[in-house]
Amino acid sequence: MKRLLISLSIAALGVFTAQAQEAKESNPNAPEITFEQETINYGTIEKGANGERVFVFTNTGKEPLIITNTKGSCGCTVPSKPTDPIAPGEKGEIKVKYDTNRVGPFTKTVTVSSNAKTATKVVKITGVVKAPEPVKTSPEKEEVSSVMMKK
């Protein structure tokens, strides 16, 4: 009897979840998030350079857009989301900070969750962090250094 009751409960939960999802998808007034660009290319940057960039988006729907979560694909990519709802037709920003002390090419993603028709969007950052050039010393400095070492 318990198994039957549990099975019925699980089935009912599945039906309610499916109906809620269908209602969200069929809402013609639902908010929609449209990014100006879904990939930001940092290009080639120096180690330790400013790793902050901004994804600009517009709520192209008819109801307020609420960004519920932003998550970087690793700890080196830290996004921050707007705290207030974005009204229809208004713009918003998601700021992303990449740790530029990691040398080499990178491609990272930020997953944006919201109440939009498309509830989850993934945006991307790419680029290359180049290693610092070794400091070259002039021959005069080397000569002075070697003389000082001999004393």
N, C-alpha and C. Protein backbone atom coordinates (compact mmCIF):
# COMPACT_ATOMS: atom_id res chain seq x y z
N MET A 1 0.82 -1.20 0.00
CA MET A 1 0.00 0.00 0.00
C MET A 1 0.86 1.26 0.00
N LYS A 2 1.93 1.21 0.82
CA LYS A 2 2.82 2.37 0.88
C LYS A 2 3.48 2.61 -0.48
N ARG A 3 3.87 1.52 -1.13
CA ARG A 3 4.52 1.66 -2.44
C ARG A 3 3.57 2.27 -3.46
N LEU A 4 2.33 1.88 -3.42
CA LEU A 4 1.33 2.43 -4.33
C LEU A 4 1.15 3.92 -4.07
N LEU A 5 1.06 4.28 -2.81
CA LEU A 5 0.89 5.69 -2.44
C LEU A 5 2.11 6.51 -2.88
N ILE A 6 3.29 5.99 -2.67
CA ILE A 6 4.52 6.70 -3.09
C ILE A 6 4.56 6.82 -4.61
N SER A 7 4.22 5.76 -5.32
CA SER A 7 4.21 5.79 -6.78
C SER A 7 3.22 6.82 -7.32
N LEU A 8 2.04 6.87 -6.73
CA LEU A 8 1.03 7.85 -7.14
C LEU A 8 1.50 9.28 -6.85
N SER A 9 2.14 9.46 -5.71
CA SER A 9 2.65 10.79 -5.35
C SER A 9 3.70 11.26 -6.34
N ILE A 10 4.60 10.37 -6.71
CA ILE A 10 5.65 10.71 -7.67
C ILE A 10 5.04 11.02 -9.03
N ALA A 11 4.07 10.24 -9.46
CA ALA A 11 3.41 10.48 -10.74
C ALA A 11 2.68 11.83 -10.73
N ALA A 12 1.99 12.14 -9.65
CA ALA A 12 1.27 13.42 -9.55
C ALA A 12 2.25 14.58 -9.58
N LEU A 13 3.38 14.45 -8.90
CA LEU A 13 4.39 15.50 -8.90
C LEU A 13 4.93 15.72 -10.32
N GLY A 14 5.15 14.64 -11.04
CA GLY A 14 5.60 14.74 -12.42
C GLY A 14 4.60 15.47 -13.31
N VAL A 15 3.33 15.19 -13.15
CA VAL A 15 2.28 15.84 -13.93
C VAL A 15 2.23 17.33 -13.61
N PHE A 16 2.27 17.68 -12.32
CA PHE A 16 2.23 19.09 -11.93
C PHE A 16 3.45 19.84 -12.45
N THR A 17 4.61 19.22 -12.39
CA THR A 17 5.84 19.86 -12.89
C THR A 17 5.74 20.09 -14.40
N ALA A 18 5.26 19.11 -15.13
CA ALA A 18 5.12 19.24 -16.58
C ALA A 18 4.12 20.35 -16.93
N GLN A 19 3.02 20.43 -16.19
CA GLN A 19 2.03 21.48 -16.45
C GLN A 19 2.60 22.86 -16.14
N ALA A 20 3.37 22.98 -15.07
CA ALA A 20 3.97 24.27 -14.72
C ALA A 20 4.96 24.70 -15.80
N GLN A 21 5.74 23.75 -16.29
CA GLN A 21 6.70 24.06 -17.35
C GLN A 21 5.98 24.47 -18.63
N GLU A 22 4.91 23.77 -18.97
CA GLU A 22 4.14 24.09 -20.17
C GLU A 22 3.51 25.47 -20.05
N ALA A 23 3.00 25.81 -18.87
CA ALA A 23 2.39 27.12 -18.65
C ALA A 23 3.42 28.22 -18.83
N LYS A 24 4.64 28.00 -18.35
CA LYS A 24 5.70 29.00 -18.49
C LYS A 24 6.06 29.20 -19.95
N GLU A 25 6.20 28.10 -20.70
CA GLU A 25 6.58 28.18 -22.11
C GLU A 25 5.50 28.81 -22.97
N SER A 26 4.24 28.66 -22.57
CA SER A 26 3.16 29.18 -23.40
C SER A 26 2.76 30.60 -23.03
N ASN A 27 3.41 31.21 -22.05
CA ASN A 27 3.08 32.57 -21.64
C ASN A 27 3.62 33.55 -22.70
N PRO A 28 2.74 34.16 -23.49
CA PRO A 28 3.20 35.07 -24.54
C PRO A 28 3.80 36.37 -24.00
N ASN A 29 3.56 36.67 -22.72
CA ASN A 29 4.08 37.89 -22.12
C ASN A 29 5.36 37.67 -21.32
N ALA A 30 5.83 36.45 -21.27
CA ALA A 30 7.00 36.13 -20.45
C ALA A 30 8.19 37.00 -20.84
N PRO A 31 9.06 37.30 -19.87
CA PRO A 31 10.27 38.06 -20.19
C PRO A 31 11.19 37.23 -21.09
N GLU A 32 12.04 37.91 -21.80
CA GLU A 32 13.03 37.23 -22.65
C GLU A 32 14.33 38.00 -22.57
N ILE A 33 15.42 37.27 -22.42
CA ILE A 33 16.74 37.90 -22.30
C ILE A 33 17.46 37.82 -23.64
N THR A 34 17.88 38.98 -24.15
CA THR A 34 18.58 39.05 -25.43
C THR A 34 19.91 39.77 -25.20
N PHE A 35 21.01 39.05 -25.39
CA PHE A 35 22.34 39.62 -25.17
C PHE A 35 22.81 40.37 -26.41
N GLU A 36 23.52 41.48 -26.19
CA GLU A 36 24.14 42.21 -27.31
C GLU A 36 25.19 41.34 -27.97
N GLN A 37 25.94 40.59 -27.17
CA GLN A 37 26.87 39.60 -27.69
C GLN A 37 26.96 38.47 -26.66
N GLU A 38 26.99 37.25 -27.16
CA GLU A 38 27.01 36.09 -26.28
C GLU A 38 28.43 35.57 -26.04
N THR A 39 29.41 36.13 -26.75
CA THR A 39 30.81 35.80 -26.54
C THR A 39 31.61 37.09 -26.47
N ILE A 40 32.43 37.21 -25.44
CA ILE A 40 33.34 38.34 -25.33
C ILE A 40 34.75 37.80 -25.48
N ASN A 41 35.48 38.34 -26.48
CA ASN A 41 36.86 37.93 -26.71
C ASN A 41 37.78 38.98 -26.10
N TYR A 42 38.54 38.57 -25.12
CA TYR A 42 39.49 39.47 -24.47
C TYR A 42 40.68 39.78 -25.38
N GLY A 43 40.89 38.96 -26.41
CA GLY A 43 42.09 39.11 -27.23
C GLY A 43 43.29 38.60 -26.44
N THR A 44 44.46 39.16 -26.73
CA THR A 44 45.67 38.80 -25.99
C THR A 44 45.93 39.89 -24.96
N ILE A 45 45.98 39.49 -23.71
CA ILE A 45 46.18 40.46 -22.63
C ILE A 45 47.37 40.05 -21.76
N GLU A 46 47.89 41.00 -21.04
CA GLU A 46 49.03 40.77 -20.16
C GLU A 46 48.60 40.04 -18.89
N LYS A 47 49.51 39.27 -18.32
CA LYS A 47 49.27 38.65 -17.03
C LYS A 47 49.01 39.76 -16.01
N GLY A 48 47.98 39.61 -15.20
CA GLY A 48 47.64 40.60 -14.18
C GLY A 48 46.82 41.77 -14.70
N ALA A 49 46.43 41.76 -15.99
CA ALA A 49 45.64 42.85 -16.57
C ALA A 49 44.22 42.83 -15.99
N ASN A 50 43.48 43.89 -16.27
CA ASN A 50 42.09 43.98 -15.82
C ASN A 50 41.27 42.88 -16.51
N GLY A 51 40.73 41.97 -15.73
CA GLY A 51 39.96 40.85 -16.28
C GLY A 51 38.46 41.07 -16.24
N GLU A 52 38.02 42.32 -16.01
CA GLU A 52 36.58 42.57 -15.93
C GLU A 52 36.00 42.91 -17.29
N ARG A 53 34.86 42.30 -17.59
CA ARG A 53 34.12 42.58 -18.81
C ARG A 53 32.64 42.58 -18.45
N VAL A 54 31.79 43.09 -19.37
CA VAL A 54 30.37 43.22 -19.09
C VAL A 54 29.54 42.68 -20.26
N PHE A 55 28.62 41.79 -19.95
CA PHE A 55 27.63 41.33 -20.92
C PHE A 55 26.40 42.21 -20.74
N VAL A 56 26.01 42.90 -21.81
CA VAL A 56 24.83 43.76 -21.78
C VAL A 56 23.68 43.00 -22.42
N PHE A 57 22.51 43.06 -21.79
CA PHE A 57 21.34 42.37 -22.33
C PHE A 57 20.13 43.29 -22.23
N THR A 58 19.09 42.92 -22.96
CA THR A 58 17.82 43.65 -22.94
C THR A 58 16.70 42.67 -22.64
N ASN A 59 15.74 43.11 -21.85
CA ASN A 59 14.53 42.31 -21.63
C ASN A 59 13.60 42.60 -22.80
N THR A 60 13.53 41.67 -23.74
CA THR A 60 12.69 41.85 -24.93
C THR A 60 11.30 41.25 -24.75
N GLY A 61 10.97 40.84 -23.54
CA GLY A 61 9.65 40.31 -23.24
C GLY A 61 8.72 41.40 -22.74
N LYS A 62 7.58 40.98 -22.19
CA LYS A 62 6.55 41.93 -21.76
C LYS A 62 6.35 41.95 -20.25
N GLU A 63 7.12 41.16 -19.51
CA GLU A 63 7.06 41.14 -18.05
C GLU A 63 8.46 41.37 -17.50
N PRO A 64 8.58 41.78 -16.23
CA PRO A 64 9.91 42.00 -15.65
C PRO A 64 10.77 40.74 -15.68
N LEU A 65 12.04 40.93 -16.00
CA LEU A 65 13.01 39.84 -16.06
C LEU A 65 13.77 39.79 -14.74
N ILE A 66 13.84 38.61 -14.16
CA ILE A 66 14.57 38.43 -12.91
C ILE A 66 15.69 37.43 -13.14
N ILE A 67 16.92 37.88 -12.98
CA ILE A 67 18.08 36.99 -13.07
C ILE A 67 18.21 36.33 -11.70
N THR A 68 18.03 35.02 -11.65
CA THR A 68 18.04 34.32 -10.37
C THR A 68 19.43 33.82 -9.98
N ASN A 69 20.29 33.57 -10.98
CA ASN A 69 21.62 33.05 -10.67
C ASN A 69 22.55 33.23 -11.86
N THR A 70 23.83 33.44 -11.57
CA THR A 70 24.88 33.41 -12.58
C THR A 70 26.00 32.55 -12.01
N LYS A 71 26.52 31.65 -12.85
CA LYS A 71 27.55 30.73 -12.36
C LYS A 71 28.65 30.57 -13.39
N GLY A 72 29.90 30.83 -12.97
CA GLY A 72 31.04 30.63 -13.84
C GLY A 72 31.38 29.16 -13.94
N SER A 73 32.05 28.77 -15.03
CA SER A 73 32.40 27.37 -15.24
C SER A 73 33.54 26.91 -14.34
N CYS A 74 34.26 27.86 -13.72
CA CYS A 74 35.29 27.49 -12.76
C CYS A 74 35.50 28.66 -11.80
N GLY A 75 36.34 28.47 -10.81
CA GLY A 75 36.58 29.50 -9.81
C GLY A 75 37.33 30.71 -10.35
N CYS A 76 37.92 30.59 -11.53
CA CYS A 76 38.67 31.71 -12.11
C CYS A 76 37.75 32.69 -12.83
N THR A 77 36.49 32.35 -12.97
CA THR A 77 35.52 33.20 -13.66
C THR A 77 34.39 33.53 -12.68
N VAL A 78 34.33 34.81 -12.27
CA VAL A 78 33.37 35.20 -11.25
C VAL A 78 32.37 36.20 -11.84
N PRO A 79 31.11 35.77 -12.03
CA PRO A 79 30.09 36.69 -12.55
C PRO A 79 29.31 37.36 -11.42
N SER A 80 28.74 38.51 -11.72
CA SER A 80 27.81 39.15 -10.77
C SER A 80 26.58 39.60 -11.54
N LYS A 81 25.43 39.39 -10.94
CA LYS A 81 24.16 39.63 -11.61
C LYS A 81 23.47 40.87 -11.06
N PRO A 82 22.53 41.41 -11.81
CA PRO A 82 21.74 42.52 -11.27
C PRO A 82 20.83 42.00 -10.15
N THR A 83 20.60 42.83 -9.16
CA THR A 83 19.76 42.41 -8.03
C THR A 83 18.30 42.77 -8.22
N ASP A 84 18.04 43.80 -9.03
CA ASP A 84 16.66 44.24 -9.25
C ASP A 84 16.10 43.67 -10.55
N PRO A 85 14.78 43.51 -10.64
CA PRO A 85 14.17 43.07 -11.90
C PRO A 85 14.45 44.08 -13.02
N ILE A 86 14.53 43.57 -14.23
CA ILE A 86 14.75 44.41 -15.42
C ILE A 86 13.40 44.54 -16.12
N ALA A 87 12.92 45.77 -16.23
CA ALA A 87 11.62 46.03 -16.85
C ALA A 87 11.65 45.72 -18.34
N PRO A 88 10.51 45.45 -18.94
CA PRO A 88 10.45 45.21 -20.39
C PRO A 88 11.06 46.39 -21.15
N GLY A 89 11.92 46.07 -22.11
CA GLY A 89 12.58 47.10 -22.93
C GLY A 89 13.82 47.69 -22.30
N GLU A 90 14.08 47.39 -21.04
CA GLU A 90 15.24 47.95 -20.34
C GLU A 90 16.46 47.04 -20.52
N LYS A 91 17.64 47.66 -20.31
CA LYS A 91 18.91 46.93 -20.40
C LYS A 91 19.41 46.58 -19.00
N GLY A 92 20.20 45.54 -18.94
CA GLY A 92 20.86 45.12 -17.71
C GLY A 92 22.26 44.66 -18.02
N GLU A 93 23.04 44.41 -16.97
CA GLU A 93 24.43 43.98 -17.16
C GLU A 93 24.76 42.80 -16.25
N ILE A 94 25.56 41.90 -16.80
CA ILE A 94 26.16 40.84 -16.02
C ILE A 94 27.65 41.06 -16.12
N LYS A 95 28.28 41.34 -14.98
CA LYS A 95 29.72 41.60 -14.95
C LYS A 95 30.44 40.29 -14.73
N VAL A 96 31.57 40.12 -15.43
CA VAL A 96 32.37 38.91 -15.31
C VAL A 96 33.81 39.33 -15.04
N LYS A 97 34.42 38.69 -14.06
CA LYS A 97 35.83 38.95 -13.77
C LYS A 97 36.60 37.65 -13.94
N TYR A 98 37.59 37.68 -14.85
CA TYR A 98 38.44 36.52 -15.08
C TYR A 98 39.78 36.75 -14.39
N ASP A 99 40.32 35.70 -13.78
CA ASP A 99 41.61 35.78 -13.09
C ASP A 99 42.73 35.76 -14.12
N THR A 100 43.28 36.93 -14.42
CA THR A 100 44.30 37.05 -15.46
C THR A 100 45.70 36.71 -14.96
N ASN A 101 45.81 36.12 -13.79
CA ASN A 101 47.11 35.63 -13.33
C ASN A 101 47.36 34.21 -13.82
N ARG A 102 46.43 33.68 -14.57
CA ARG A 102 46.57 32.34 -15.17
C ARG A 102 47.01 32.53 -16.61
N VAL A 103 48.24 32.14 -16.91
CA VAL A 103 48.81 32.35 -18.25
C VAL A 103 48.32 31.28 -19.21
N GLY A 104 48.04 31.70 -20.46
CA GLY A 104 47.65 30.77 -21.51
C GLY A 104 46.28 31.10 -22.07
N PRO A 105 45.86 30.34 -23.09
CA PRO A 105 44.53 30.56 -23.69
C PRO A 105 43.43 30.10 -22.73
N PHE A 106 42.28 30.74 -22.84
CA PHE A 106 41.15 30.34 -22.01
C PHE A 106 39.85 30.49 -22.78
N THR A 107 38.92 29.61 -22.45
CA THR A 107 37.52 29.69 -22.89
C THR A 107 36.70 29.25 -21.70
N LYS A 108 35.89 30.17 -21.17
CA LYS A 108 35.09 29.89 -19.99
C LYS A 108 33.65 30.28 -20.27
N THR A 109 32.74 29.67 -19.54
CA THR A 109 31.32 29.97 -19.73
C THR A 109 30.71 30.52 -18.44
N VAL A 110 29.63 31.26 -18.62
CA VAL A 110 28.82 31.75 -17.51
C VAL A 110 27.39 31.32 -17.81
N THR A 111 26.79 30.58 -16.89
CA THR A 111 25.42 30.14 -17.04
C THR A 111 24.51 31.12 -16.32
N VAL A 112 23.55 31.66 -17.06
CA VAL A 112 22.62 32.67 -16.54
C VAL A 112 21.24 32.03 -16.41
N SER A 113 20.71 32.03 -15.18
CA SER A 113 19.38 31.47 -14.93
C SER A 113 18.42 32.62 -14.63
N SER A 114 17.21 32.54 -15.20
CA SER A 114 16.24 33.62 -15.02
C SER A 114 14.82 33.09 -15.18
N ASN A 115 13.88 34.02 -15.10
CA ASN A 115 12.48 33.66 -15.31
C ASN A 115 12.06 33.88 -16.77
N ALA A 116 13.01 33.98 -17.68
CA ALA A 116 12.73 34.21 -19.10
C ALA A 116 12.15 32.96 -19.76
N LYS A 117 11.60 33.15 -20.97
CA LYS A 117 11.10 32.01 -21.74
C LYS A 117 12.18 30.95 -21.87
N THR A 118 13.39 31.40 -22.19
CA THR A 118 14.55 30.52 -22.20
C THR A 118 15.21 30.71 -20.84
N ALA A 119 14.90 29.82 -19.90
CA ALA A 119 15.28 30.01 -18.51
C ALA A 119 16.78 29.97 -18.26
N THR A 120 17.52 29.27 -19.12
CA THR A 120 18.97 29.16 -18.95
C THR A 120 19.66 29.56 -20.24
N LYS A 121 20.58 30.50 -20.13
CA LYS A 121 21.41 30.94 -21.26
C LYS A 121 22.85 30.78 -20.85
N VAL A 122 23.70 30.45 -21.81
CA VAL A 122 25.13 30.32 -21.54
C VAL A 122 25.86 31.32 -22.42
N VAL A 123 26.67 32.17 -21.77
CA VAL A 123 27.51 33.12 -22.49
C VAL A 123 28.97 32.71 -22.26
N LYS A 124 29.87 33.25 -23.09
CA LYS A 124 31.24 32.74 -23.09
C LYS A 124 32.25 33.88 -23.12
N ILE A 125 33.39 33.65 -22.46
CA ILE A 125 34.53 34.55 -22.58
C ILE A 125 35.71 33.75 -23.11
N THR A 126 36.52 34.38 -23.95
CA THR A 126 37.70 33.72 -24.50
C THR A 126 38.85 34.71 -24.53
N GLY A 127 40.03 34.21 -24.69
CA GLY A 127 41.19 35.07 -24.81
C GLY A 127 42.48 34.32 -24.52
N VAL A 128 43.55 35.09 -24.46
CA VAL A 128 44.87 34.54 -24.15
C VAL A 128 45.55 35.49 -23.18
N VAL A 129 46.04 34.93 -22.08
CA VAL A 129 46.83 35.71 -21.14
C VAL A 129 48.28 35.35 -21.42
N LYS A 130 49.06 36.37 -21.82
CA LYS A 130 50.46 36.07 -22.16
C LYS A 130 51.36 36.27 -20.95
N ALA A 131 52.40 35.45 -20.92
CA ALA A 131 53.37 35.52 -19.84
C ALA A 131 54.15 36.82 -19.94
N PRO A 132 54.57 37.36 -18.82
CA PRO A 132 55.36 38.59 -18.88
C PRO A 132 56.71 38.33 -19.54
N GLU A 133 57.19 39.34 -20.24
CA GLU A 133 58.50 39.24 -20.88
C GLU A 133 59.56 39.23 -19.78
N PRO A 134 60.62 38.42 -19.95
CA PRO A 134 61.69 38.45 -18.95
C PRO A 134 62.36 39.83 -18.97
N VAL A 135 62.75 40.29 -17.80
CA VAL A 135 63.40 41.59 -17.71
C VAL A 135 64.81 41.45 -18.24
N LYS A 136 65.13 42.28 -19.25
CA LYS A 136 66.46 42.25 -19.84
C LYS A 136 67.32 43.29 -19.16
N THR A 137 68.53 42.91 -18.85
CA THR A 137 69.45 43.87 -18.25
C THR A 137 70.43 44.34 -19.31
N SER A 138 70.87 45.57 -19.16
CA SER A 138 71.83 46.11 -20.12
C SER A 138 73.23 45.60 -19.78
N PRO A 139 74.14 45.58 -20.75
CA PRO A 139 75.51 45.10 -20.48
C PRO A 139 76.19 45.87 -19.35
N GLU A 140 75.92 47.18 -19.25
CA GLU A 140 76.55 47.98 -18.19
C GLU A 140 76.10 47.48 -16.82
N LYS A 141 74.81 47.17 -16.68
CA LYS A 141 74.30 46.69 -15.40
C LYS A 141 74.90 45.34 -15.06
N GLU A 142 75.06 44.46 -16.06
CA GLU A 142 75.66 43.16 -15.82
C GLU A 142 77.10 43.32 -15.35
N GLU A 143 77.84 44.27 -15.98
CA GLU A 143 79.23 44.52 -15.63
C GLU A 143 79.32 45.01 -14.18
N VAL A 144 78.47 45.96 -13.82
CA VAL A 144 78.45 46.50 -12.47
C VAL A 144 78.10 45.38 -11.48
N SER A 145 77.15 44.55 -11.83
CA SER A 145 76.73 43.46 -10.95
C SER A 145 77.87 42.48 -10.73
N SER A 146 78.60 42.14 -11.80
CA SER A 146 79.69 41.17 -11.64
C SER A 146 80.83 41.78 -10.85
N VAL A 147 81.11 43.08 -10.98
CA VAL A 147 82.14 43.74 -10.20
C VAL A 147 81.75 43.75 -8.73
N MET A 148 80.48 44.05 -8.45
CA MET A 148 80.01 44.09 -7.07
C MET A 148 80.08 42.70 -6.44
N MET A 149 79.82 41.67 -7.22
CA MET A 149 79.85 40.30 -6.71
C MET A 149 81.27 39.90 -6.32
N LYS A 150 82.29 40.40 -7.06
CA LYS A 150 83.68 40.02 -6.81
C LYS A 150 84.19 40.66 -5.52
N LYS A 151 83.64 41.78 -5.13
CA LYS A 151 84.12 42.47 -3.93
C LYS A 151 83.68 41.75 -2.74
